[in-house]
Structure formats: C-alpha cells, structure tokens
Amino acid sequence: MPIRAFLFDFDGLILDTETASRAGWRWLYEQHGHELPDDLWLTVVGTHSSWDIMGHLEGLVGEPLDRETWNERRYAHEVTLLEAEELRPGILDYLQYAREHGLKRAIVSSASRRWIDMHLERLEQAVGWDAILTADRDASRAKPNPTMYLEALDVLGVSNDEAVVFEDSPNGVAAGKAAGIFVVGVPNEVTREVGLRDADLVVESLADLPPAELVQRANGRSGDRAAEDHDPERRPR
C-alpha cells in the first residue's frame, strides 16, 4: 500500500528540546554538588516516567528541597536555551513534501498539548496538522505504549502499512514498532548515546534522506511484509 501519512514525534525530533531539558536538570544537580545520572535520565526520554527526579536529588542532598522554587529556576534555565532552537534539519522538507503529495501529517507525543502548541506558535508551524495527539501526563498513554500511534491511525483513517513514524528515542521507536508502523529513527545529541537500533531505518538527520527516497523505501518494506504474510512457506505452523 502507498504511504499516506507521516507521524512525527515532537520533543527531540521536530525540535531538539531534549538537549535543553537535560542541560536544565544537569544545572540543577550541579547547584547542589551532584551529577545527573545519564543512565537514569535516558529512561525518561520520550515517555512520561514515574522516576522522581527531584526525589532522587533530595536523596543525594540528604534533605527536602524547595521543589517549586528550584523547578522554576531550572525551567527558566531550560527555556533560555530553547529560545535559540529551531526546527531540526529536514523537517520542513518533509512537511512540504507531505503537503505537496497529499500525505496526512500528525504529531504524536508523550508531552502535553500546551507545551507543543507553545513551541509550534513560536516556530510558526501551528497550522496544517491533521492531528496532534498527546499523553498530557497520562502514563497509560505515553510511549512506549503504542496507544497514541494506534489512535493516530484511526483518526487519520490510514492503516499501519500506510504510515511512517519518525522518532528520536528508544521509547518512541518501541511504540511505533508495537503499532506495526515503519519507524525511522533520527537520534539527537541525547539519544545518539544509546542508539535506535530497533527502528526500521536510522539516519543521522532527515536532511540526509530526501522524502521521496524515504517513501520509496517504506513502500518497498510494506510490500515485502505483505508478500511474507501471503507466503504459505513463511506462515507459522
């Protein structure tokens, strides 16, 4: 089946918020004489995690912190870094290709709708999306659960063989794969450290892969999977 929809993650994929977010938390830990544990940090990228980051820091410090005040200071530091961030390379090319070829476009994110709308307005990209699905702090909807990707397929009226997912994190890749969709991994400075080997295709930047070529490769993969499904020699017995 031909590709009819592009499904984009947001944080770290459309806009590299992940680097600024990690920098904000690193700053906070450093203010208290400690280092942010990157191995634990990576578990929260692309999802809504139950890991209490502030609680972990309090354990290291040995006493409760004024969470509201420190969170405000950390967030201010993070926002200062984000103000300089623009759309990641290649994103505009893919959005334009989708528009010119009639492909549907959706954002599927574990973040909040308010967060995404704020950045889309700043980047002048708030118009033109066929759907925006967010977890809004609901862990049961957040990636790696495939719920939102399955919802996106339903909202857009396409099958999993007619869509491509673009993700920057292992949690996001797992969600897209669990929904049975072709997944393109595009790591950022944070997730490059862990790799996205479970994606169907990994590229350093979308600017390195023309949209037409990606669609051709995804269509070929869908055709191969359909052939396997109809090959009696490959069916499980």
C-alpha atoms as a PDB file:
ATOM      1  CA  MET A   1       0.000   0.000   0.000  1.00  0.00           C
ATOM      2  CA  PRO A   2       1.276   3.522  -0.732  1.00  0.00           C
ATOM      3  CA  ILE A   3       2.399   5.718   2.162  1.00  0.00           C
ATOM      4  CA  ARG A   4      -0.376   8.163   3.061  1.00  0.00           C
ATOM      5  CA  ALA A   5       0.721   9.648   6.385  1.00  0.00           C
ATOM      6  CA  PHE A   6       3.765  10.932   8.277  1.00  0.00           C
ATOM      7  CA  LEU A   7       3.576  10.626  12.071  1.00  0.00           C
ATOM      8  CA  PHE A   8       6.113  12.791  13.894  1.00  0.00           C
ATOM      9  CA  ASP A   9       7.247  12.701  17.480  1.00  0.00           C
ATOM     10  CA  PHE A  10       7.816  16.214  18.821  1.00  0.00           C
ATOM     11  CA  ASP A  11      10.427  16.599  21.574  1.00  0.00           C
ATOM     12  CA  GLY A  12      13.852  15.846  20.189  1.00  0.00           C
ATOM     13  CA  LEU A  13      12.503  15.101  16.707  1.00  0.00           C
ATOM     14  CA  ILE A  14      10.806  18.225  15.366  1.00  0.00           C
ATOM     15  CA  LEU A  15      12.544  20.453  17.912  1.00  0.00           C
ATOM     16  CA  ASP A  16      15.560  19.417  19.971  1.00  0.00           C
ATOM     17  CA  THR A  17      14.104  20.099  23.391  1.00  0.00           C
ATOM     18  CA  GLU A  18      15.844  17.045  24.837  1.00  0.00           C
ATOM     19  CA  THR A  19      19.286  18.631  24.934  1.00  0.00           C
ATOM     20  CA  ALA A  20      17.971  21.730  26.704  1.00  0.00           C
ATOM     21  CA  SER A  21      15.910  19.654  29.124  1.00  0.00           C
ATOM     22  CA  ARG A  22      18.895  17.542  30.122  1.00  0.00           C
ATOM     23  CA  ALA A  23      21.011  20.690  30.464  1.00  0.00           C
ATOM     24  CA  GLY A  24      18.388  22.164  32.793  1.00  0.00           C
ATOM     25  CA  TRP A  25      18.422  19.163  35.074  1.00  0.00           C
ATOM     26  CA  ARG A  26      22.199  18.907  34.950  1.00  0.00           C
ATOM     27  CA  TRP A  27      22.336  22.546  36.046  1.00  0.00           C
ATOM     28  CA  LEU A  28      20.020  21.824  38.971  1.00  0.00           C
ATOM     29  CA  TYR A  29      22.061  18.834  40.143  1.00  0.00           C
ATOM     30  CA  GLU A  30      25.276  20.840  39.838  1.00  0.00           C
ATOM     31  CA  GLN A  31      23.786  23.602  42.012  1.00  0.00           C
ATOM     32  CA  HIS A  32      23.620  21.009  44.771  1.00  0.00           C
ATOM     33  CA  GLY A  33      27.043  19.474  44.184  1.00  0.00           C
ATOM     34  CA  HIS A  34      25.922  16.365  42.286  1.00  0.00           C
ATOM     35  CA  GLU A  35      25.780  14.994  38.745  1.00  0.00           C
ATOM     36  CA  LEU A  36      22.635  13.984  36.882  1.00  0.00           C
ATOM     37  CA  PRO A  37      22.859  10.210  36.236  1.00  0.00           C
ATOM     38  CA  ASP A  38      22.613   9.960  32.450  1.00  0.00           C
ATOM     39  CA  ASP A  39      21.629   6.280  32.534  1.00  0.00           C
ATOM     40  CA  LEU A  40      18.520   7.092  34.575  1.00  0.00           C
ATOM     41  CA  TRP A  41      17.822  10.252  32.578  1.00  0.00           C
ATOM     42  CA  LEU A  42      17.681   8.298  29.321  1.00  0.00           C
ATOM     43  CA  THR A  43      14.837   6.157  30.687  1.00  0.00           C
ATOM     44  CA  VAL A  44      12.531   9.197  30.792  1.00  0.00           C
ATOM     45  CA  VAL A  45      13.272  10.447  27.270  1.00  0.00           C
ATOM     46  CA  GLY A  46      10.221  10.121  25.040  1.00  0.00           C
ATOM     47  CA  THR A  47       7.853   8.996  27.761  1.00  0.00           C
ATOM     48  CA  HIS A  48       6.080  10.064  30.939  1.00  0.00           C
ATOM     49  CA  SER A  49       8.118   8.341  33.625  1.00  0.00           C
ATOM     50  CA  SER A  50       7.377   7.567  37.234  1.00  0.00           C
ATOM     51  CA  TRP A  51      11.022   8.258  38.140  1.00  0.00           C
ATOM     52  CA  ASP A  52      11.011  11.067  40.698  1.00  0.00           C
ATOM     53  CA  ILE A  53      13.996  13.097  39.508  1.00  0.00           C
ATOM     54  CA  MET A  54      13.675  15.699  42.238  1.00  0.00           C
ATOM     55  CA  GLY A  55      13.231  12.968  44.842  1.00  0.00           C
ATOM     56  CA  HIS A  56      16.434  11.345  43.632  1.00  0.00           C
ATOM     57  CA  LEU A  57      18.290  14.637  44.044  1.00  0.00           C
ATOM     58  CA  GLU A  58      16.837  15.118  47.534  1.00  0.00           C
ATOM     59  CA  GLY A  59      18.150  11.682  48.426  1.00  0.00           C
ATOM     60  CA  LEU A  60      21.631  12.711  47.330  1.00  0.00           C
ATOM     61  CA  VAL A  61      21.424  16.031  49.187  1.00  0.00           C
ATOM     62  CA  GLY A  62      20.027  14.381  52.293  1.00  0.00           C
ATOM     63  CA  GLU A  63      17.152  16.779  52.865  1.00  0.00           C
ATOM     64  CA  PRO A  64      13.972  18.093  51.209  1.00  0.00           C
ATOM     65  CA  LEU A  65      14.325  20.904  48.695  1.00  0.00           C
ATOM     66  CA  ASP A  66      12.018  23.792  47.883  1.00  0.00           C
ATOM     67  CA  ARG A  67      10.772  21.987  44.774  1.00  0.00           C
ATOM     68  CA  GLU A  68       8.630  24.813  43.418  1.00  0.00           C
ATOM     69  CA  THR A  69      11.411  27.398  43.594  1.00  0.00           C
ATOM     70  CA  TRP A  70      14.100  25.133  42.174  1.00  0.00           C
ATOM     71  CA  ASN A  71      11.829  23.883  39.398  1.00  0.00           C
ATOM     72  CA  GLU A  72      11.092  27.464  38.383  1.00  0.00           C
ATOM     73  CA  ARG A  73      14.803  28.253  38.247  1.00  0.00           C
ATOM     74  CA  ARG A  74      15.575  25.066  36.316  1.00  0.00           C
ATOM     75  CA  TYR A  75      12.770  25.726  33.848  1.00  0.00           C
ATOM     76  CA  ALA A  76      13.930  29.311  33.311  1.00  0.00           C
ATOM     77  CA  HIS A  77      17.410  27.998  32.506  1.00  0.00           C
ATOM     78  CA  GLU A  78      15.935  25.452  30.088  1.00  0.00           C
ATOM     79  CA  VAL A  79      13.707  27.978  28.312  1.00  0.00           C
ATOM     80  CA  THR A  80      16.665  30.299  27.791  1.00  0.00           C
ATOM     81  CA  LEU A  81      18.395  27.510  25.877  1.00  0.00           C
ATOM     82  CA  LEU A  82      15.259  26.598  23.930  1.00  0.00           C
ATOM     83  CA  GLU A  83      14.763  30.127  22.621  1.00  0.00           C
ATOM     84  CA  ALA A  84      17.691  29.557  20.284  1.00  0.00           C
ATOM     85  CA  GLU A  85      16.398  26.227  18.952  1.00  0.00           C
ATOM     86  CA  GLU A  86      14.845  25.989  15.501  1.00  0.00           C
ATOM     87  CA  LEU A  87      13.227  23.119  13.606  1.00  0.00           C
ATOM     88  CA  ARG A  88      15.627  20.229  13.216  1.00  0.00           C
ATOM     89  CA  PRO A  89      17.229  19.818   9.764  1.00  0.00           C
ATOM     90  CA  GLY A  90      14.996  18.229   7.138  1.00  0.00           C
ATOM     91  CA  ILE A  91      11.705  18.698   8.993  1.00  0.00           C
ATOM     92  CA  LEU A  92      10.490  21.495   6.727  1.00  0.00           C
ATOM     93  CA  ASP A  93      11.340  19.403   3.657  1.00  0.00           C
ATOM     94  CA  TYR A  94       9.212  16.540   4.942  1.00  0.00           C
ATOM     95  CA  LEU A  95       6.309  18.806   5.842  1.00  0.00           C
ATOM     96  CA  GLN A  96       6.428  20.397   2.404  1.00  0.00           C
ATOM     97  CA  TYR A  97       6.618  17.003   0.682  1.00  0.00           C
ATOM     98  CA  ALA A  98       3.572  15.815   2.633  1.00  0.00           C
ATOM     99  CA  ARG A  99       1.649  18.937   1.689  1.00  0.00           C
ATOM    100  CA  GLU A 100       2.552  18.700  -1.998  1.00  0.00           C
ATOM    101  CA  HIS A 101       1.755  14.978  -2.258  1.00  0.00           C
ATOM    102  CA  GLY A 102      -1.388  14.912  -0.154  1.00  0.00           C
ATOM    103  CA  LEU A 103       0.060  12.956   2.770  1.00  0.00           C
ATOM    104  CA  LYS A 104      -1.522  13.474   6.158  1.00  0.00           C
ATOM    105  CA  ARG A 105       0.613  14.914   8.939  1.00  0.00           C
ATOM    106  CA  ALA A 106       0.320  14.266  12.653  1.00  0.00           C
ATOM    107  CA  ILE A 107       2.263  14.867  15.841  1.00  0.00           C
ATOM    108  CA  VAL A 108       2.223  12.002  18.346  1.00  0.00           C
ATOM    109  CA  SER A 109       3.899  12.962  21.618  1.00  0.00           C
ATOM    110  CA  SER A 110       4.171  11.908  25.255  1.00  0.00           C
ATOM    111  CA  ALA A 111       4.333  15.612  26.161  1.00  0.00           C
ATOM    112  CA  SER A 112       1.416  17.968  26.851  1.00  0.00           C
ATOM    113  CA  ARG A 113      -0.648  19.708  24.196  1.00  0.00           C
ATOM    114  CA  ARG A 114       0.080  23.067  25.819  1.00  0.00           C
ATOM    115  CA  TRP A 115       3.843  22.500  25.531  1.00  0.00           C
ATOM    116  CA  ILE A 116       3.606  21.550  21.862  1.00  0.00           C
ATOM    117  CA  ASP A 117       1.258  24.406  20.950  1.00  0.00           C
ATOM    118  CA  MET A 118       3.589  26.904  22.614  1.00  0.00           C
ATOM    119  CA  HIS A 119       6.546  25.818  20.501  1.00  0.00           C
ATOM    120  CA  LEU A 120       4.575  25.437  17.268  1.00  0.00           C
ATOM    121  CA  GLU A 121       3.342  29.007  17.630  1.00  0.00           C
ATOM    122  CA  ARG A 122       6.884  30.283  18.152  1.00  0.00           C
ATOM    123  CA  LEU A 123       8.119  28.334  15.138  1.00  0.00           C
ATOM    124  CA  GLU A 124       5.140  29.441  13.006  1.00  0.00           C
ATOM    125  CA  GLN A 125       4.130  25.815  12.408  1.00  0.00           C
ATOM    126  CA  ALA A 126       0.815  25.708  14.283  1.00  0.00           C
ATOM    127  CA  VAL A 127      -1.298  25.358  11.118  1.00  0.00           C
ATOM    128  CA  GLY A 128      -1.577  22.395   8.762  1.00  0.00           C
ATOM    129  CA  TRP A 129      -1.552  19.398  11.078  1.00  0.00           C
ATOM    130  CA  ASP A 130      -4.251  16.777  10.512  1.00  0.00           C
ATOM    131  CA  ALA A 131      -3.969  15.580  14.112  1.00  0.00           C
ATOM    132  CA  ILE A 132      -1.982  16.250  17.297  1.00  0.00           C
ATOM    133  CA  LEU A 133      -2.141  13.510  19.920  1.00  0.00           C
ATOM    134  CA  THR A 134      -0.545  13.968  23.348  1.00  0.00           C
ATOM    135  CA  ALA A 135      -0.279  11.989  26.585  1.00  0.00           C
ATOM    136  CA  ASP A 136      -0.779  15.014  28.874  1.00  0.00           C
ATOM    137  CA  ARG A 137       0.829  13.291  31.877  1.00  0.00           C
ATOM    138  CA  ASP A 138      -1.225  10.103  31.430  1.00  0.00           C
ATOM    139  CA  ALA A 139       1.373   7.345  31.796  1.00  0.00           C
ATOM    140  CA  SER A 140      -1.006   4.768  30.338  1.00  0.00           C
ATOM    141  CA  ARG A 141      -0.994   6.670  27.014  1.00  0.00           C
ATOM    142  CA  ALA A 142       2.675   7.618  26.954  1.00  0.00           C
ATOM    143  CA  LYS A 143       5.251   5.784  24.884  1.00  0.00           C
ATOM    144  CA  PRO A 144       6.454   3.007  24.724  1.00  0.00           C
ATOM    145  CA  ASN A 145       2.740   2.154  24.859  1.00  0.00           C
ATOM    146  CA  PRO A 146       1.504   2.130  21.234  1.00  0.00           C
ATOM    147  CA  THR A 147      -1.896   3.611  22.212  1.00  0.00           C
ATOM    148  CA  MET A 148      -1.375   7.055  20.687  1.00  0.00           C
ATOM    149  CA  TYR A 149       0.012   5.710  17.427  1.00  0.00           C
ATOM    150  CA  LEU A 150      -2.955   3.393  17.072  1.00  0.00           C
ATOM    151  CA  GLU A 151      -5.245   6.339  17.801  1.00  0.00           C
ATOM    152  CA  ALA A 152      -3.445   8.407  15.171  1.00  0.00           C
ATOM    153  CA  LEU A 153      -4.031   5.729  12.528  1.00  0.00           C
ATOM    154  CA  ASP A 154      -7.715   5.699  13.414  1.00  0.00           C
ATOM    155  CA  VAL A 155      -8.051   9.490  13.409  1.00  0.00           C
ATOM    156  CA  LEU A 156      -6.267   9.815  10.079  1.00  0.00           C
ATOM    157  CA  GLY A 157      -8.084   6.879   8.505  1.00  0.00           C
ATOM    158  CA  VAL A 158      -4.942   5.024   7.429  1.00  0.00           C
ATOM    159  CA  SER A 159      -3.587   1.541   8.099  1.00  0.00           C
ATOM    160  CA  ASN A 160      -0.243   0.827   9.726  1.00  0.00           C
ATOM    161  CA  ASP A 161       1.172  -0.109   6.302  1.00  0.00           C
ATOM    162  CA  GLU A 162       0.270   3.359   5.003  1.00  0.00           C
ATOM    163  CA  ALA A 163       2.171   5.380   7.607  1.00  0.00           C
ATOM    164  CA  VAL A 164       5.719   6.253   8.591  1.00  0.00           C
ATOM    165  CA  VAL A 165       6.745   7.125  12.149  1.00  0.00           C
ATOM    166  CA  PHE A 166       9.655   9.486  12.869  1.00  0.00           C
ATOM    167  CA  GLU A 167      11.187   9.057  16.322  1.00  0.00           C
ATOM    168  CA  ASP A 168      14.281  10.120  18.237  1.00  0.00           C
ATOM    169  CA  SER A 169      14.083   7.894  21.335  1.00  0.00           C
ATOM    170  CA  PRO A 170      14.045   4.165  22.159  1.00  0.00           C
ATOM    171  CA  ASN A 171      10.664   4.603  23.892  1.00  0.00           C
ATOM    172  CA  GLY A 172       9.222   6.214  20.784  1.00  0.00           C
ATOM    173  CA  VAL A 173      10.690   3.614  18.443  1.00  0.00           C
ATOM    174  CA  ALA A 174       9.204   0.845  20.608  1.00  0.00           C
ATOM    175  CA  ALA A 175       5.767   2.496  20.465  1.00  0.00           C
ATOM    176  CA  GLY A 176       5.820   2.824  16.687  1.00  0.00           C
ATOM    177  CA  LYS A 177       7.024  -0.738  16.187  1.00  0.00           C
ATOM    178  CA  ALA A 178       4.379  -2.085  18.579  1.00  0.00           C
ATOM    179  CA  ALA A 179       1.756  -0.352  16.420  1.00  0.00           C
ATOM    180  CA  GLY A 180       3.161  -2.164  13.375  1.00  0.00           C
ATOM    181  CA  ILE A 181       4.321   1.012  11.621  1.00  0.00           C
ATOM    182  CA  PHE A 182       7.530   1.611   9.643  1.00  0.00           C
ATOM    183  CA  VAL A 183       9.798   3.579  12.002  1.00  0.00           C
ATOM    184  CA  VAL A 184      12.574   5.977  11.042  1.00  0.00           C
ATOM    185  CA  GLY A 185      14.969   6.707  13.885  1.00  0.00           C
ATOM    186  CA  VAL A 186      16.563  10.177  13.932  1.00  0.00           C
ATOM    187  CA  PRO A 187      18.775  10.487  17.021  1.00  0.00           C
ATOM    188  CA  ASN A 188      19.634  13.783  18.671  1.00  0.00           C
ATOM    189  CA  GLU A 189      22.576  14.682  20.908  1.00  0.00           C
ATOM    190  CA  VAL A 190      20.954  12.927  23.877  1.00  0.00           C
ATOM    191  CA  THR A 191      19.667   9.733  22.265  1.00  0.00           C
ATOM    192  CA  ARG A 192      22.670   9.252  19.975  1.00  0.00           C
ATOM    193  CA  GLU A 193      24.399   7.804  23.030  1.00  0.00           C
ATOM    194  CA  VAL A 194      22.019   4.842  23.267  1.00  0.00           C
ATOM    195  CA  GLY A 195      21.228   4.257  19.594  1.00  0.00           C
ATOM    196  CA  LEU A 196      17.927   3.452  17.898  1.00  0.00           C
ATOM    197  CA  ARG A 197      18.783   0.016  16.512  1.00  0.00           C
ATOM    198  CA  ASP A 198      15.207  -1.278  16.755  1.00  0.00           C
ATOM    199  CA  ALA A 199      13.999   1.244  14.149  1.00  0.00           C
ATOM    200  CA  ASP A 200      13.464   0.020  10.591  1.00  0.00           C
ATOM    201  CA  LEU A 201      15.796   2.739   9.357  1.00  0.00           C
ATOM    202  CA  VAL A 202      18.169   5.090  11.202  1.00  0.00           C
ATOM    203  CA  VAL A 203      19.518   8.341   9.744  1.00  0.00           C
ATOM    204  CA  GLU A 204      21.694  10.941  11.415  1.00  0.00           C
ATOM    205  CA  SER A 205      19.456  13.685  10.009  1.00  0.00           C
ATOM    206  CA  LEU A 206      16.326  13.842   7.885  1.00  0.00           C
ATOM    207  CA  ALA A 207      18.248  16.321   5.753  1.00  0.00           C
ATOM    208  CA  ASP A 208      20.376  13.355   4.645  1.00  0.00           C
ATOM    209  CA  LEU A 209      17.398  11.418   3.273  1.00  0.00           C
ATOM    210  CA  PRO A 210      15.113  13.024   0.651  1.00  0.00           C
ATOM    211  CA  PRO A 211      11.415  12.423   1.441  1.00  0.00           C
ATOM    212  CA  ALA A 212      10.780  10.765  -1.938  1.00  0.00           C
ATOM    213  CA  GLU A 213      13.533   8.233  -1.264  1.00  0.00           C
ATOM    214  CA  LEU A 214      12.199   7.513   2.206  1.00  0.00           C
ATOM    215  CA  VAL A 215       8.686   6.940   0.860  1.00  0.00           C
ATOM    216  CA  GLN A 216      10.049   4.589  -1.768  1.00  0.00           C
ATOM    217  CA  ARG A 217      11.931   2.576   0.843  1.00  0.00           C
ATOM    218  CA  ALA A 218       8.943   2.456   3.189  1.00  0.00           C
ATOM    219  CA  ASN A 219       6.657   1.371   0.348  1.00  0.00           C
ATOM    220  CA  GLY A 220       9.098  -1.384  -0.534  1.00  0.00           C
ATOM    221  CA  ARG A 221       9.198  -2.601   3.022  1.00  0.00           C
ATOM    222  CA  SER A 222       5.385  -2.658   3.208  1.00  0.00           C
ATOM    223  CA  GLY A 223       5.261  -4.681   0.007  1.00  0.00           C
ATOM    224  CA  ASP A 224       7.802  -7.167   1.335  1.00  0.00           C
ATOM    225  CA  ARG A 225       5.792  -7.619   4.523  1.00  0.00           C
ATOM    226  CA  ALA A 226       2.559  -8.136   2.587  1.00  0.00           C
ATOM    227  CA  ALA A 227       4.273 -10.778   0.431  1.00  0.00           C
ATOM    228  CA  GLU A 228       5.519 -12.572   3.533  1.00  0.00           C
ATOM    229  CA  ASP A 229       2.035 -12.571   5.022  1.00  0.00           C
ATOM    230  CA  HIS A 230       0.712 -14.315   1.909  1.00  0.00           C
ATOM    231  CA  ASP A 231       3.595 -16.769   1.514  1.00  0.00           C
ATOM    232  CA  PRO A 232       2.489 -20.135   2.983  1.00  0.00           C
ATOM    233  CA  GLU A 233       6.124 -21.152   3.453  1.00  0.00           C
ATOM    234  CA  ARG A 234       6.663 -18.224   5.856  1.00  0.00           C
ATOM    235  CA  ARG A 235       3.476 -18.589   7.878  1.00  0.00           C
ATOM    236  CA  PRO A 236       3.857 -20.021  11.404  1.00  0.00           C
ATOM    237  CA  ARG A 237       2.544 -23.558  11.782  1.00  0.00           C
END
